[in-house]
Amino acid sequence: RAMMLETVAAVPGMVGGLLLHCKSLRRFEHSGGWIRALLEEAENERMHLMTFMEVSQPRWYERALVFATQGVFFNA
């Protein structure tokens, strides 16, 4: 359960950083440090996920569920 929560928790920071990066490139302006902050938050959540994966050793169907959940959450 914690592993699933950590996989979803990393998505908003990564998507936010990606969208802000693209916006910053289109407008030729600085983001004020927000891109780095959002990507650091996503990296922090990824490290939590790596810790939980070492503890729980997920099976193939759990990994498939993570893949599907991230796909839905990313597009939402």
N, C-alpha and C. Protein backbone atom coordinates (compact mmCIF):
# COMPACT_ATOMS: atom_id res chain seq x y z
N ARG A 1 0.82 -1.19 0.00
CA ARG A 1 0.00 0.00 0.00
C ARG A 1 0.87 1.26 0.00
N ALA A 2 1.89 1.28 0.83
CA ALA A 2 2.79 2.44 0.88
C ALA A 2 3.53 2.61 -0.44
N MET A 3 3.88 1.49 -1.07
CA MET A 3 4.58 1.57 -2.34
C MET A 3 3.69 2.22 -3.40
N MET A 4 2.43 1.87 -3.45
CA MET A 4 1.50 2.47 -4.41
C MET A 4 1.35 3.97 -4.14
N LEU A 5 1.25 4.35 -2.88
CA LEU A 5 1.12 5.77 -2.55
C LEU A 5 2.35 6.57 -2.98
N GLU A 6 3.52 6.00 -2.81
CA GLU A 6 4.74 6.70 -3.19
C GLU A 6 4.87 6.83 -4.70
N THR A 7 4.38 5.85 -5.45
CA THR A 7 4.47 5.97 -6.91
C THR A 7 3.57 7.09 -7.41
N VAL A 8 2.40 7.24 -6.81
CA VAL A 8 1.48 8.29 -7.22
C VAL A 8 1.95 9.65 -6.70
N ALA A 9 2.56 9.68 -5.53
CA ALA A 9 3.00 10.95 -4.93
C ALA A 9 4.10 11.62 -5.74
N ALA A 10 4.86 10.86 -6.50
CA ALA A 10 5.96 11.43 -7.28
C ALA A 10 5.48 12.09 -8.57
N VAL A 11 4.31 11.72 -9.04
CA VAL A 11 3.83 12.20 -10.34
C VAL A 11 3.55 13.71 -10.36
N PRO A 12 2.85 14.31 -9.38
CA PRO A 12 2.56 15.75 -9.49
C PRO A 12 3.79 16.64 -9.59
N GLY A 13 4.83 16.33 -8.84
CA GLY A 13 6.05 17.13 -8.91
C GLY A 13 6.72 17.03 -10.27
N MET A 14 6.74 15.82 -10.81
CA MET A 14 7.36 15.62 -12.11
C MET A 14 6.55 16.29 -13.22
N VAL A 15 5.25 16.13 -13.19
CA VAL A 15 4.41 16.75 -14.21
C VAL A 15 4.44 18.27 -14.08
N GLY A 16 4.38 18.77 -12.86
CA GLY A 16 4.44 20.21 -12.65
C GLY A 16 5.75 20.79 -13.13
N GLY A 17 6.85 20.11 -12.84
CA GLY A 17 8.15 20.57 -13.31
C GLY A 17 8.25 20.55 -14.82
N LEU A 18 7.70 19.51 -15.44
CA LEU A 18 7.72 19.40 -16.89
C LEU A 18 6.90 20.51 -17.53
N LEU A 19 5.69 20.73 -17.05
CA LEU A 19 4.84 21.76 -17.63
C LEU A 19 5.42 23.16 -17.42
N LEU A 20 5.97 23.41 -16.24
CA LEU A 20 6.57 24.72 -15.96
C LEU A 20 7.82 24.93 -16.82
N HIS A 21 8.58 23.87 -17.03
CA HIS A 21 9.77 23.96 -17.89
C HIS A 21 9.37 24.33 -19.31
N CYS A 22 8.35 23.65 -19.85
CA CYS A 22 7.89 23.95 -21.21
C CYS A 22 7.36 25.38 -21.31
N LYS A 23 6.61 25.80 -20.30
CA LYS A 23 6.08 27.17 -20.29
C LYS A 23 7.21 28.19 -20.25
N SER A 24 8.21 27.91 -19.45
CA SER A 24 9.36 28.82 -19.33
C SER A 24 10.11 28.91 -20.66
N LEU A 25 10.24 27.80 -21.37
CA LEU A 25 10.91 27.81 -22.67
C LEU A 25 10.10 28.57 -23.70
N ARG A 26 8.79 28.40 -23.69
CA ARG A 26 7.94 29.10 -24.65
C ARG A 26 7.95 30.61 -24.46
N ARG A 27 7.98 31.03 -23.21
CA ARG A 27 7.91 32.47 -22.91
C ARG A 27 9.27 33.13 -22.74
N PHE A 28 10.34 32.35 -22.82
CA PHE A 28 11.70 32.86 -22.66
C PHE A 28 11.86 33.62 -21.33
N GLU A 29 11.41 33.02 -20.25
CA GLU A 29 11.54 33.65 -18.93
C GLU A 29 11.90 32.61 -17.88
N HIS A 30 12.42 33.09 -16.77
CA HIS A 30 12.82 32.22 -15.66
C HIS A 30 11.59 31.78 -14.87
N SER A 31 11.71 30.65 -14.22
CA SER A 31 10.60 30.13 -13.42
C SER A 31 10.69 30.57 -11.96
N GLY A 32 11.75 31.23 -11.58
CA GLY A 32 11.91 31.66 -10.20
C GLY A 32 12.32 30.52 -9.28
N GLY A 33 12.91 29.47 -9.84
CA GLY A 33 13.37 28.35 -9.03
C GLY A 33 12.32 27.26 -8.81
N TRP A 34 11.13 27.43 -9.38
CA TRP A 34 10.07 26.45 -9.17
C TRP A 34 10.32 25.13 -9.87
N ILE A 35 10.94 25.16 -11.02
CA ILE A 35 11.21 23.91 -11.74
C ILE A 35 12.09 23.01 -10.89
N ARG A 36 13.15 23.57 -10.37
CA ARG A 36 14.08 22.78 -9.54
C ARG A 36 13.38 22.26 -8.28
N ALA A 37 12.57 23.08 -7.65
CA ALA A 37 11.87 22.67 -6.43
C ALA A 37 10.92 21.51 -6.71
N LEU A 38 10.18 21.58 -7.82
CA LEU A 38 9.23 20.51 -8.14
C LEU A 38 9.95 19.22 -8.50
N LEU A 39 11.04 19.33 -9.25
CA LEU A 39 11.78 18.13 -9.61
C LEU A 39 12.49 17.51 -8.40
N GLU A 40 12.94 18.34 -7.47
CA GLU A 40 13.53 17.81 -6.23
C GLU A 40 12.49 17.06 -5.41
N GLU A 41 11.27 17.57 -5.38
CA GLU A 41 10.20 16.88 -4.66
C GLU A 41 9.91 15.52 -5.30
N ALA A 42 9.89 15.48 -6.63
CA ALA A 42 9.68 14.21 -7.32
C ALA A 42 10.82 13.24 -7.03
N GLU A 43 12.03 13.74 -6.99
CA GLU A 43 13.19 12.89 -6.68
C GLU A 43 13.11 12.36 -5.24
N ASN A 44 12.66 13.18 -4.33
CA ASN A 44 12.48 12.76 -2.94
C ASN A 44 11.47 11.62 -2.86
N GLU A 45 10.38 11.75 -3.56
CA GLU A 45 9.37 10.68 -3.56
C GLU A 45 9.91 9.42 -4.21
N ARG A 46 10.75 9.58 -5.23
CA ARG A 46 11.35 8.42 -5.88
C ARG A 46 12.27 7.66 -4.93
N MET A 47 13.00 8.42 -4.11
CA MET A 47 13.87 7.75 -3.15
C MET A 47 13.06 7.01 -2.09
N HIS A 48 11.93 7.56 -1.69
CA HIS A 48 11.04 6.83 -0.78
C HIS A 48 10.57 5.54 -1.42
N LEU A 49 10.21 5.61 -2.70
CA LEU A 49 9.76 4.43 -3.42
C LEU A 49 10.86 3.37 -3.47
N MET A 50 12.09 3.78 -3.73
CA MET A 50 13.19 2.82 -3.79
C MET A 50 13.37 2.11 -2.44
N THR A 51 13.18 2.85 -1.36
CA THR A 51 13.28 2.26 -0.02
C THR A 51 12.18 1.23 0.19
N PHE A 52 10.95 1.59 -0.17
CA PHE A 52 9.83 0.65 0.00
C PHE A 52 9.99 -0.57 -0.90
N MET A 53 10.58 -0.40 -2.08
CA MET A 53 10.78 -1.54 -2.97
C MET A 53 11.80 -2.52 -2.39
N GLU A 54 12.81 -2.00 -1.71
CA GLU A 54 13.79 -2.89 -1.06
C GLU A 54 13.14 -3.69 0.05
N VAL A 55 12.22 -3.08 0.75
CA VAL A 55 11.56 -3.74 1.88
C VAL A 55 10.52 -4.75 1.41
N SER A 56 9.71 -4.38 0.40
CA SER A 56 8.56 -5.22 0.05
C SER A 56 8.82 -6.19 -1.09
N GLN A 57 9.83 -5.97 -1.93
CA GLN A 57 10.10 -6.82 -3.09
C GLN A 57 8.83 -7.07 -3.90
N PRO A 58 8.36 -6.09 -4.66
CA PRO A 58 7.09 -6.22 -5.40
C PRO A 58 7.15 -7.28 -6.48
N ARG A 59 6.01 -7.91 -6.70
CA ARG A 59 5.89 -8.94 -7.73
C ARG A 59 5.54 -8.28 -9.06
N TRP A 60 5.51 -9.07 -10.13
CA TRP A 60 5.27 -8.53 -11.47
C TRP A 60 3.92 -7.84 -11.58
N TYR A 61 2.88 -8.41 -10.96
CA TYR A 61 1.55 -7.81 -11.07
C TYR A 61 1.46 -6.50 -10.28
N GLU A 62 2.23 -6.38 -9.20
CA GLU A 62 2.28 -5.11 -8.47
C GLU A 62 2.98 -4.04 -9.30
N ARG A 63 4.02 -4.44 -10.00
CA ARG A 63 4.72 -3.49 -10.88
C ARG A 63 3.80 -3.06 -12.03
N ALA A 64 3.02 -3.99 -12.57
CA ALA A 64 2.08 -3.66 -13.64
C ALA A 64 1.00 -2.70 -13.12
N LEU A 65 0.56 -2.90 -11.90
CA LEU A 65 -0.44 -2.02 -11.30
C LEU A 65 0.14 -0.61 -11.13
N VAL A 66 1.39 -0.52 -10.73
CA VAL A 66 2.06 0.78 -10.59
C VAL A 66 2.13 1.47 -11.95
N PHE A 67 2.49 0.73 -12.97
CA PHE A 67 2.59 1.28 -14.32
C PHE A 67 1.25 1.83 -14.78
N ALA A 68 0.19 1.08 -14.58
CA ALA A 68 -1.15 1.50 -14.98
C ALA A 68 -1.61 2.71 -14.16
N THR A 69 -1.38 2.71 -12.87
CA THR A 69 -1.79 3.80 -12.00
C THR A 69 -1.09 5.10 -12.37
N GLN A 70 0.21 5.02 -12.62
CA GLN A 70 0.94 6.22 -13.00
C GLN A 70 0.46 6.76 -14.35
N GLY A 71 0.15 5.87 -15.27
CA GLY A 71 -0.35 6.31 -16.57
C GLY A 71 -1.67 7.06 -16.45
N VAL A 72 -2.56 6.53 -15.64
CA VAL A 72 -3.85 7.21 -15.44
C VAL A 72 -3.66 8.53 -14.71
N PHE A 73 -2.88 8.51 -13.65
CA PHE A 73 -2.69 9.72 -12.84
C PHE A 73 -1.96 10.80 -13.63
N PHE A 74 -0.98 10.40 -14.45
CA PHE A 74 -0.23 11.38 -15.26
C PHE A 74 -1.16 12.07 -16.24
N ASN A 75 -2.01 11.31 -16.89
CA ASN A 75 -2.91 11.89 -17.89
C ASN A 75 -4.06 12.66 -17.27
N ALA A 76 -4.41 12.34 -16.05
CA ALA A 76 -5.48 13.08 -15.36
C ALA A 76 -4.96 14.44 -14.98
